[in-house]
Amino acid sequence: MSADTDPFALFDLPRRHAVGRDAIEARYLELSRAAHPDNVVGEGTAARRAAVERASAVNAAYRVLRDPVLRAEALVKLGGLDLDSTDPERGAPHPTQEFLLEMIELRERLEDGGPAGLDALRDDVDARSEAALDAAIAALDAGEFRRAAEHLVARRYFQRFLDETEASAP
């Protein structure tokens, strides 16, 4: 991730998960005012294009920084692991066999529980998802990027499961 795509560098914030929402909001307002394309009205096409690109970068960084999951994923990426890659060394870690069996059990509970058990199952999986995010944040705080990535991969599985149950809900 380059300095141009590092949301923490763009916002001049420390690379850590525990960044105050007020600091993010204040910096966003400051940067978005400075980068607004209206500031270059009357200038050439290159200046207008650069302003639009800068405003777009500020907005993208803001989306990442204000979302706890995206912020954690960005920190993992800055730590050298890309959760969207299958590269064996620098990509997303593969889930353990135990975790995959856990996911199969959740799917079986979904099939066996019917509509009556759906809310309880969703609550359970949502709690697991939150626990995975908390574990990832703790790993990030300890500087353990691979462990954080493992927890974030698990969280993605849980979130996908929740999304699928929402999509198939009656």
N, C-alpha and C. Protein backbone atom coordinates (compact mmCIF):
# COMPACT_ATOMS: atom_id res chain seq x y z
N MET A 1 0.87 -1.17 0.00
CA MET A 1 0.00 0.00 0.00
C MET A 1 0.91 1.23 0.00
N SER A 2 0.72 2.08 -0.94
CA SER A 2 1.56 3.27 -1.05
C SER A 2 1.06 4.37 -0.12
N ALA A 3 1.87 5.41 0.01
CA ALA A 3 1.48 6.54 0.85
C ALA A 3 0.19 7.17 0.33
N ASP A 4 0.00 7.09 -0.99
CA ASP A 4 -1.22 7.65 -1.58
C ASP A 4 -2.46 6.87 -1.16
N THR A 5 -2.32 5.57 -0.91
CA THR A 5 -3.47 4.76 -0.55
C THR A 5 -3.49 4.38 0.93
N ASP A 6 -2.57 4.89 1.70
CA ASP A 6 -2.55 4.64 3.14
C ASP A 6 -3.47 5.66 3.80
N PRO A 7 -4.65 5.24 4.26
CA PRO A 7 -5.59 6.20 4.82
C PRO A 7 -5.06 6.89 6.08
N PHE A 8 -4.23 6.19 6.83
CA PHE A 8 -3.66 6.78 8.04
C PHE A 8 -2.69 7.90 7.68
N ALA A 9 -1.85 7.65 6.68
CA ALA A 9 -0.90 8.68 6.24
C ALA A 9 -1.64 9.87 5.65
N LEU A 10 -2.65 9.61 4.84
CA LEU A 10 -3.40 10.70 4.23
C LEU A 10 -4.05 11.59 5.28
N PHE A 11 -4.56 10.97 6.34
CA PHE A 11 -5.22 11.73 7.41
C PHE A 11 -4.24 12.15 8.51
N ASP A 12 -2.95 11.81 8.34
CA ASP A 12 -1.92 12.14 9.32
C ASP A 12 -2.30 11.61 10.71
N LEU A 13 -2.69 10.35 10.73
CA LEU A 13 -3.09 9.68 11.97
C LEU A 13 -2.15 8.51 12.22
N PRO A 14 -1.98 8.14 13.48
CA PRO A 14 -1.11 6.99 13.77
C PRO A 14 -1.72 5.70 13.22
N ARG A 15 -0.86 4.77 12.82
CA ARG A 15 -1.32 3.48 12.29
C ARG A 15 -1.67 2.57 13.45
N ARG A 16 -2.85 2.74 13.95
CA ARG A 16 -3.37 1.86 15.00
C ARG A 16 -4.88 1.83 14.89
N HIS A 17 -5.47 0.80 15.42
CA HIS A 17 -6.91 0.66 15.30
C HIS A 17 -7.65 1.66 16.17
N ALA A 18 -7.12 1.92 17.33
CA ALA A 18 -7.79 2.80 18.30
C ALA A 18 -7.54 4.26 17.93
N VAL A 19 -8.23 4.71 16.91
CA VAL A 19 -8.18 6.10 16.49
C VAL A 19 -9.54 6.69 16.80
N GLY A 20 -9.54 7.81 17.50
CA GLY A 20 -10.80 8.42 17.91
C GLY A 20 -11.65 8.87 16.74
N ARG A 21 -12.93 8.60 16.85
CA ARG A 21 -13.88 9.00 15.80
C ARG A 21 -13.86 10.51 15.60
N ASP A 22 -13.74 11.27 16.70
CA ASP A 22 -13.71 12.73 16.58
C ASP A 22 -12.49 13.19 15.78
N ALA A 23 -11.35 12.54 15.99
CA ALA A 23 -10.14 12.90 15.25
C ALA A 23 -10.32 12.61 13.76
N ILE A 24 -10.95 11.48 13.46
CA ILE A 24 -11.20 11.12 12.06
C ILE A 24 -12.13 12.13 11.42
N GLU A 25 -13.22 12.45 12.11
CA GLU A 25 -14.21 13.39 11.57
C GLU A 25 -13.61 14.77 11.35
N ALA A 26 -12.86 15.26 12.34
CA ALA A 26 -12.26 16.59 12.23
C ALA A 26 -11.28 16.66 11.06
N ARG A 27 -10.47 15.62 10.96
CA ARG A 27 -9.47 15.61 9.88
C ARG A 27 -10.16 15.48 8.52
N TYR A 28 -11.23 14.70 8.46
CA TYR A 28 -11.97 14.56 7.21
C TYR A 28 -12.52 15.91 6.76
N LEU A 29 -13.14 16.63 7.66
CA LEU A 29 -13.69 17.94 7.29
C LEU A 29 -12.60 18.88 6.79
N GLU A 30 -11.48 18.86 7.48
CA GLU A 30 -10.35 19.72 7.08
C GLU A 30 -9.83 19.34 5.69
N LEU A 31 -9.61 18.04 5.48
CA LEU A 31 -9.07 17.59 4.20
C LEU A 31 -10.08 17.75 3.06
N SER A 32 -11.34 17.49 3.35
CA SER A 32 -12.33 17.60 2.27
C SER A 32 -12.54 19.05 1.86
N ARG A 33 -12.45 19.97 2.81
CA ARG A 33 -12.53 21.40 2.44
C ARG A 33 -11.33 21.78 1.57
N ALA A 34 -10.16 21.36 1.97
CA ALA A 34 -8.95 21.72 1.23
C ALA A 34 -8.91 21.08 -0.16
N ALA A 35 -9.48 19.88 -0.28
CA ALA A 35 -9.40 19.15 -1.55
C ALA A 35 -10.62 19.36 -2.45
N HIS A 36 -11.57 20.14 -2.00
CA HIS A 36 -12.81 20.29 -2.77
C HIS A 36 -12.53 20.87 -4.15
N PRO A 37 -13.10 20.28 -5.20
CA PRO A 37 -12.87 20.76 -6.57
C PRO A 37 -13.29 22.21 -6.81
N ASP A 38 -14.21 22.74 -6.01
CA ASP A 38 -14.59 24.15 -6.17
C ASP A 38 -13.43 25.10 -5.90
N ASN A 39 -12.42 24.62 -5.21
CA ASN A 39 -11.26 25.46 -4.90
C ASN A 39 -10.41 25.76 -6.13
N VAL A 40 -10.61 25.01 -7.20
CA VAL A 40 -9.79 25.20 -8.40
C VAL A 40 -10.63 25.63 -9.61
N VAL A 41 -11.82 26.16 -9.33
CA VAL A 41 -12.65 26.65 -10.43
C VAL A 41 -11.86 27.74 -11.17
N GLY A 42 -11.88 27.66 -12.46
CA GLY A 42 -11.16 28.65 -13.26
C GLY A 42 -9.74 28.23 -13.60
N GLU A 43 -9.25 27.18 -12.96
CA GLU A 43 -7.91 26.69 -13.29
C GLU A 43 -8.02 25.67 -14.41
N GLY A 44 -6.93 25.20 -14.87
CA GLY A 44 -6.90 24.28 -16.01
C GLY A 44 -7.48 22.91 -15.69
N THR A 45 -7.61 22.14 -16.76
CA THR A 45 -8.17 20.80 -16.65
C THR A 45 -7.34 19.91 -15.73
N ALA A 46 -6.05 20.01 -15.80
CA ALA A 46 -5.17 19.18 -14.96
C ALA A 46 -5.39 19.49 -13.48
N ALA A 47 -5.53 20.75 -13.15
CA ALA A 47 -5.76 21.13 -11.75
C ALA A 47 -7.11 20.63 -11.27
N ARG A 48 -8.12 20.73 -12.11
CA ARG A 48 -9.45 20.24 -11.73
C ARG A 48 -9.45 18.72 -11.55
N ARG A 49 -8.78 18.03 -12.48
CA ARG A 49 -8.69 16.57 -12.39
C ARG A 49 -7.95 16.17 -11.12
N ALA A 50 -6.86 16.85 -10.81
CA ALA A 50 -6.10 16.55 -9.60
C ALA A 50 -6.95 16.78 -8.34
N ALA A 51 -7.76 17.84 -8.36
CA ALA A 51 -8.62 18.13 -7.21
C ALA A 51 -9.68 17.04 -7.04
N VAL A 52 -10.24 16.59 -8.14
CA VAL A 52 -11.25 15.53 -8.07
C VAL A 52 -10.60 14.24 -7.54
N GLU A 53 -9.40 13.92 -8.03
CA GLU A 53 -8.71 12.72 -7.56
C GLU A 53 -8.36 12.82 -6.08
N ARG A 54 -7.93 13.99 -5.66
CA ARG A 54 -7.59 14.19 -4.23
C ARG A 54 -8.86 14.07 -3.37
N ALA A 55 -9.95 14.67 -3.79
CA ALA A 55 -11.21 14.57 -3.05
C ALA A 55 -11.67 13.12 -2.99
N SER A 56 -11.51 12.40 -4.08
CA SER A 56 -11.89 10.99 -4.11
C SER A 56 -11.02 10.18 -3.15
N ALA A 57 -9.73 10.45 -3.10
CA ALA A 57 -8.83 9.76 -2.18
C ALA A 57 -9.19 10.04 -0.72
N VAL A 58 -9.55 11.30 -0.44
CA VAL A 58 -9.96 11.68 0.92
C VAL A 58 -11.23 10.93 1.30
N ASN A 59 -12.20 10.86 0.40
CA ASN A 59 -13.45 10.15 0.67
C ASN A 59 -13.22 8.66 0.87
N ALA A 60 -12.35 8.07 0.05
CA ALA A 60 -12.05 6.64 0.19
C ALA A 60 -11.36 6.35 1.52
N ALA A 61 -10.41 7.19 1.88
CA ALA A 61 -9.72 7.01 3.16
C ALA A 61 -10.68 7.16 4.33
N TYR A 62 -11.58 8.11 4.22
CA TYR A 62 -12.57 8.33 5.27
C TYR A 62 -13.47 7.11 5.46
N ARG A 63 -13.90 6.51 4.34
CA ARG A 63 -14.74 5.30 4.42
C ARG A 63 -14.00 4.18 5.17
N VAL A 64 -12.71 4.04 4.91
CA VAL A 64 -11.92 3.01 5.58
C VAL A 64 -11.74 3.33 7.06
N LEU A 65 -11.37 4.55 7.36
CA LEU A 65 -11.05 4.92 8.74
C LEU A 65 -12.26 4.91 9.66
N ARG A 66 -13.42 5.24 9.16
CA ARG A 66 -14.59 5.31 10.03
C ARG A 66 -15.22 3.94 10.29
N ASP A 67 -14.87 2.93 9.49
CA ASP A 67 -15.42 1.59 9.64
C ASP A 67 -14.40 0.70 10.37
N PRO A 68 -14.75 0.18 11.55
CA PRO A 68 -13.79 -0.61 12.32
C PRO A 68 -13.24 -1.83 11.58
N VAL A 69 -14.06 -2.48 10.77
CA VAL A 69 -13.61 -3.66 10.04
C VAL A 69 -12.65 -3.25 8.93
N LEU A 70 -13.04 -2.25 8.14
CA LEU A 70 -12.16 -1.80 7.05
C LEU A 70 -10.86 -1.23 7.60
N ARG A 71 -10.93 -0.57 8.75
CA ARG A 71 -9.72 -0.02 9.38
C ARG A 71 -8.78 -1.17 9.78
N ALA A 72 -9.33 -2.23 10.36
CA ALA A 72 -8.51 -3.38 10.73
C ALA A 72 -7.91 -4.04 9.49
N GLU A 73 -8.72 -4.19 8.45
CA GLU A 73 -8.22 -4.80 7.21
C GLU A 73 -7.12 -3.94 6.59
N ALA A 74 -7.25 -2.62 6.66
CA ALA A 74 -6.22 -1.73 6.13
C ALA A 74 -4.92 -1.88 6.91
N LEU A 75 -5.03 -2.02 8.22
CA LEU A 75 -3.82 -2.20 9.04
C LEU A 75 -3.12 -3.52 8.71
N VAL A 76 -3.90 -4.57 8.47
CA VAL A 76 -3.32 -5.84 8.08
C VAL A 76 -2.61 -5.69 6.73
N LYS A 77 -3.23 -4.98 5.82
CA LYS A 77 -2.62 -4.77 4.51
C LYS A 77 -1.33 -3.95 4.65
N LEU A 78 -1.36 -2.94 5.48
CA LEU A 78 -0.15 -2.16 5.72
C LEU A 78 0.92 -3.00 6.40
N GLY A 79 0.50 -4.05 7.10
CA GLY A 79 1.44 -4.99 7.73
C GLY A 79 1.97 -6.04 6.76
N GLY A 80 1.54 -5.96 5.50
CA GLY A 80 2.12 -6.83 4.49
C GLY A 80 1.25 -8.00 4.04
N LEU A 81 -0.01 -8.06 4.50
CA LEU A 81 -0.89 -9.15 4.11
C LEU A 81 -2.13 -8.60 3.44
N ASP A 82 -2.44 -9.14 2.27
CA ASP A 82 -3.59 -8.68 1.51
C ASP A 82 -4.70 -9.72 1.61
N LEU A 83 -5.76 -9.39 2.33
CA LEU A 83 -6.86 -10.33 2.54
C LEU A 83 -7.62 -10.65 1.26
N ASP A 84 -7.40 -9.88 0.22
CA ASP A 84 -8.08 -10.11 -1.06
C ASP A 84 -7.19 -10.85 -2.05
N SER A 85 -6.07 -11.35 -1.56
CA SER A 85 -5.13 -12.06 -2.43
C SER A 85 -5.02 -13.52 -2.01
N THR A 86 -4.71 -14.37 -2.97
CA THR A 86 -4.50 -15.79 -2.68
C THR A 86 -3.02 -16.14 -2.65
N ASP A 87 -2.17 -15.15 -2.72
CA ASP A 87 -0.73 -15.38 -2.66
C ASP A 87 -0.41 -16.19 -1.40
N PRO A 88 0.36 -17.27 -1.53
CA PRO A 88 0.61 -18.12 -0.37
C PRO A 88 1.35 -17.44 0.79
N GLU A 89 2.16 -16.45 0.49
CA GLU A 89 2.93 -15.80 1.55
C GLU A 89 2.32 -14.48 2.01
N ARG A 90 1.80 -13.71 1.09
CA ARG A 90 1.30 -12.37 1.41
C ARG A 90 -0.20 -12.22 1.30
N GLY A 91 -0.88 -13.32 0.99
CA GLY A 91 -2.33 -13.27 0.83
C GLY A 91 -3.06 -13.68 2.10
N ALA A 92 -4.35 -13.82 1.96
CA ALA A 92 -5.20 -14.20 3.09
C ALA A 92 -4.83 -15.59 3.58
N PRO A 93 -4.70 -15.73 4.89
CA PRO A 93 -4.41 -17.07 5.43
C PRO A 93 -5.60 -18.01 5.21
N HIS A 94 -5.31 -19.27 5.00
CA HIS A 94 -6.37 -20.26 4.81
C HIS A 94 -6.95 -20.63 6.17
N PRO A 95 -8.27 -20.77 6.24
CA PRO A 95 -8.88 -21.19 7.51
C PRO A 95 -8.42 -22.60 7.89
N THR A 96 -8.41 -22.85 9.16
CA THR A 96 -8.03 -24.18 9.65
C THR A 96 -9.15 -25.17 9.35
N GLN A 97 -8.79 -26.44 9.38
CA GLN A 97 -9.78 -27.50 9.19
C GLN A 97 -10.85 -27.41 10.27
N GLU A 98 -10.44 -27.13 11.49
CA GLU A 98 -11.38 -27.00 12.61
C GLU A 98 -12.41 -25.89 12.33
N PHE A 99 -11.92 -24.76 11.82
CA PHE A 99 -12.83 -23.65 11.53
C PHE A 99 -13.80 -24.02 10.42
N LEU A 100 -13.31 -24.67 9.38
CA LEU A 100 -14.18 -25.07 8.28
C LEU A 100 -15.25 -26.06 8.75
N LEU A 101 -14.90 -26.94 9.67
CA LEU A 101 -15.89 -27.85 10.25
C LEU A 101 -16.92 -27.08 11.06
N GLU A 102 -16.47 -26.05 11.74
CA GLU A 102 -17.39 -25.18 12.49
C GLU A 102 -18.39 -24.52 11.54
N MET A 103 -17.93 -24.07 10.40
CA MET A 103 -18.82 -23.45 9.41
C MET A 103 -19.82 -24.47 8.86
N ILE A 104 -19.37 -25.71 8.65
CA ILE A 104 -20.28 -26.76 8.18
C ILE A 104 -21.36 -27.00 9.24
N GLU A 105 -20.96 -27.04 10.50
CA GLU A 105 -21.93 -27.23 11.58
C GLU A 105 -22.95 -26.09 11.62
N LEU A 106 -22.49 -24.87 11.39
CA LEU A 106 -23.42 -23.74 11.36
C LEU A 106 -24.42 -23.89 10.21
N ARG A 107 -23.93 -24.34 9.07
CA ARG A 107 -24.83 -24.54 7.92
C ARG A 107 -25.85 -25.65 8.21
N GLU A 108 -25.40 -26.68 8.89
CA GLU A 108 -26.32 -27.76 9.27
C GLU A 108 -27.37 -27.24 10.25
N ARG A 109 -26.94 -26.41 11.19
CA ARG A 109 -27.91 -25.81 12.13
C ARG A 109 -28.92 -24.95 11.37
N LEU A 110 -28.46 -24.27 10.35
CA LEU A 110 -29.36 -23.45 9.54
C LEU A 110 -30.40 -24.33 8.85
N GLU A 111 -29.96 -25.42 8.28
CA GLU A 111 -30.89 -26.33 7.57
C GLU A 111 -31.83 -27.03 8.54
N ASP A 112 -31.32 -27.44 9.69
CA ASP A 112 -32.13 -28.21 10.65
C ASP A 112 -33.04 -27.34 11.50
N GLY A 113 -32.64 -26.10 11.74
CA GLY A 113 -33.37 -25.26 12.67
C GLY A 113 -34.63 -24.65 12.11
N GLY A 114 -34.70 -24.51 10.83
CA GLY A 114 -35.87 -23.89 10.22
C GLY A 114 -36.01 -22.44 10.64
N PRO A 115 -37.10 -21.81 10.27
CA PRO A 115 -37.31 -20.39 10.55
C PRO A 115 -37.32 -20.07 12.05
N ALA A 116 -37.78 -21.03 12.87
CA ALA A 116 -37.88 -20.76 14.31
C ALA A 116 -36.52 -20.53 14.95
N GLY A 117 -35.51 -21.26 14.49
CA GLY A 117 -34.18 -21.12 15.08
C GLY A 117 -33.30 -20.11 14.39
N LEU A 118 -33.81 -19.48 13.35
CA LEU A 118 -32.98 -18.58 12.55
C LEU A 118 -32.47 -17.38 13.34
N ASP A 119 -33.31 -16.76 14.12
CA ASP A 119 -32.88 -15.59 14.89
C ASP A 119 -31.78 -15.94 15.89
N ALA A 120 -31.95 -17.07 16.57
CA ALA A 120 -30.93 -17.49 17.54
C ALA A 120 -29.62 -17.81 16.84
N LEU A 121 -29.71 -18.45 15.68
CA LEU A 121 -28.50 -18.77 14.91
C LEU A 121 -27.81 -17.49 14.45
N ARG A 122 -28.58 -16.55 13.94
CA ARG A 122 -27.99 -15.27 13.52
C ARG A 122 -27.32 -14.57 14.68
N ASP A 123 -27.97 -14.57 15.85
CA ASP A 123 -27.37 -13.94 17.04
C ASP A 123 -26.05 -14.61 17.40
N ASP A 124 -26.02 -15.94 17.32
CA ASP A 124 -24.81 -16.70 17.62
C ASP A 124 -23.69 -16.34 16.65
N VAL A 125 -24.00 -16.34 15.36
CA VAL A 125 -22.98 -16.05 14.35
C VAL A 125 -22.55 -14.59 14.43
N ASP A 126 -23.48 -13.70 14.71
CA ASP A 126 -23.12 -12.29 14.88
C ASP A 126 -22.15 -12.12 16.05
N ALA A 127 -22.39 -12.83 17.14
CA ALA A 127 -21.49 -12.76 18.30
C ALA A 127 -20.12 -13.32 17.93
N ARG A 128 -20.08 -14.39 17.15
CA ARG A 128 -18.80 -14.96 16.70
C ARG A 128 -18.06 -13.97 15.80
N SER A 129 -18.81 -13.29 14.96
CA SER A 129 -18.22 -12.29 14.06
C SER A 129 -17.58 -11.15 14.86
N GLU A 130 -18.33 -10.66 15.85
CA GLU A 130 -17.80 -9.58 16.71
C GLU A 130 -16.58 -10.05 17.49
N ALA A 131 -16.62 -11.28 17.99
CA ALA A 131 -15.48 -11.83 18.73
C ALA A 131 -14.25 -11.95 17.82
N ALA A 132 -14.47 -12.33 16.57
CA ALA A 132 -13.36 -12.43 15.62
C ALA A 132 -12.75 -11.05 15.37
N LEU A 133 -13.60 -10.03 15.24
CA LEU A 133 -13.09 -8.67 15.05
C LEU A 133 -12.32 -8.22 16.29
N ASP A 134 -12.86 -8.47 17.46
CA ASP A 134 -12.16 -8.10 18.70
C ASP A 134 -10.80 -8.79 18.80
N ALA A 135 -10.76 -10.07 18.43
CA ALA A 135 -9.49 -10.81 18.46
C ALA A 135 -8.51 -10.25 17.44
N ALA A 136 -9.01 -9.85 16.28
CA ALA A 136 -8.15 -9.25 15.25
C ALA A 136 -7.56 -7.93 15.76
N ILE A 137 -8.38 -7.13 16.41
CA ILE A 137 -7.91 -5.84 16.94
C ILE A 137 -6.85 -6.07 18.01
N ALA A 138 -7.08 -7.06 18.87
CA ALA A 138 -6.09 -7.38 19.91
C ALA A 138 -4.78 -7.82 19.27
N ALA A 139 -4.86 -8.62 18.22
CA ALA A 139 -3.65 -9.06 17.52
C ALA A 139 -2.95 -7.88 16.86
N LEU A 140 -3.71 -6.96 16.28
CA LEU A 140 -3.11 -5.77 15.68
C LEU A 140 -2.39 -4.95 16.74
N ASP A 141 -3.04 -4.80 17.90
CA ASP A 141 -2.41 -4.04 19.00
C ASP A 141 -1.10 -4.67 19.43
N ALA A 142 -0.99 -6.00 19.27
CA ALA A 142 0.23 -6.72 19.63
C ALA A 142 1.22 -6.79 18.46
N GLY A 143 0.84 -6.21 17.32
CA GLY A 143 1.72 -6.24 16.15
C GLY A 143 1.76 -7.58 15.44
N GLU A 144 0.76 -8.42 15.68
CA GLU A 144 0.72 -9.76 15.08
C GLU A 144 -0.23 -9.75 13.88
N PHE A 145 0.30 -9.34 12.75
CA PHE A 145 -0.52 -9.14 11.55
C PHE A 145 -1.09 -10.44 11.00
N ARG A 146 -0.31 -11.51 11.01
CA ARG A 146 -0.80 -12.79 10.49
C ARG A 146 -1.97 -13.29 11.34
N ARG A 147 -1.83 -13.20 12.66
CA ARG A 147 -2.92 -13.64 13.53
C ARG A 147 -4.15 -12.76 13.33
N ALA A 148 -3.93 -11.45 13.19
CA ALA A 148 -5.06 -10.54 12.92
C ALA A 148 -5.74 -10.93 11.61
N ALA A 149 -4.94 -11.25 10.60
CA ALA A 149 -5.49 -11.65 9.30
C ALA A 149 -6.33 -12.92 9.44
N GLU A 150 -5.87 -13.87 10.23
CA GLU A 150 -6.63 -15.11 10.44
C GLU A 150 -8.00 -14.80 11.03
N HIS A 151 -8.04 -13.92 12.02
CA HIS A 151 -9.32 -13.57 12.64
C HIS A 151 -10.22 -12.80 11.68
N LEU A 152 -9.62 -11.95 10.85
CA LEU A 152 -10.42 -11.19 9.89
C LEU A 152 -10.97 -12.10 8.79
N VAL A 153 -10.23 -13.12 8.42
CA VAL A 153 -10.74 -14.09 7.45
C VAL A 153 -11.93 -14.82 8.07
N ALA A 154 -11.81 -15.22 9.33
CA ALA A 154 -12.93 -15.88 10.01
C ALA A 154 -14.14 -14.94 10.05
N ARG A 155 -13.90 -13.68 10.34
CA ARG A 155 -14.99 -12.71 10.39
C ARG A 155 -15.68 -12.61 9.04
N ARG A 156 -14.90 -12.65 7.96
CA ARG A 156 -15.50 -12.61 6.63
C ARG A 156 -16.40 -13.82 6.39
N TYR A 157 -15.98 -14.99 6.84
CA TYR A 157 -16.82 -16.18 6.70
C TYR A 157 -18.13 -15.99 7.47
N PHE A 158 -18.01 -15.51 8.69
CA PHE A 158 -19.22 -15.29 9.50
C PHE A 158 -20.13 -14.27 8.84
N GLN A 159 -19.54 -13.19 8.32
CA GLN A 159 -20.35 -12.15 7.70
C GLN A 159 -21.03 -12.67 6.44
N ARG A 160 -20.32 -13.46 5.66
CA ARG A 160 -20.91 -14.05 4.46
C ARG A 160 -22.09 -14.96 4.85
N PHE A 161 -21.91 -15.72 5.91
CA PHE A 161 -22.99 -16.58 6.40
C PHE A 161 -24.20 -15.73 6.78
N LEU A 162 -23.97 -14.65 7.51
CA LEU A 162 -25.07 -13.77 7.91
C LEU A 162 -25.74 -13.14 6.69
N ASP A 163 -24.95 -12.71 5.74
CA ASP A 163 -25.51 -12.12 4.51
C ASP A 163 -26.38 -13.13 3.77
N GLU A 164 -25.93 -14.37 3.72
CA GLU A 164 -26.69 -15.41 3.02
C GLU A 164 -27.99 -15.72 3.75
N THR A 165 -27.96 -15.70 5.10
CA THR A 165 -29.20 -15.98 5.82
C THR A 165 -30.18 -14.83 5.65
N GLU A 166 -29.69 -13.62 5.53
CA GLU A 166 -30.57 -12.47 5.27
C GLU A 166 -31.19 -12.57 3.89
N ALA A 167 -30.37 -12.95 2.92
CA ALA A 167 -30.85 -13.02 1.54
C ALA A 167 -31.89 -14.13 1.36
N SER A 168 -31.76 -15.21 2.13
CA SER A 168 -32.69 -16.33 1.96
C SER A 168 -33.82 -16.32 2.98
N ALA A 169 -33.86 -15.30 3.82
CA ALA A 169 -34.92 -15.22 4.85
C ALA A 169 -36.28 -15.05 4.19
N PRO A 170 -37.31 -15.67 4.80
CA PRO A 170 -38.65 -15.56 4.23
C PRO A 170 -39.23 -14.17 4.37
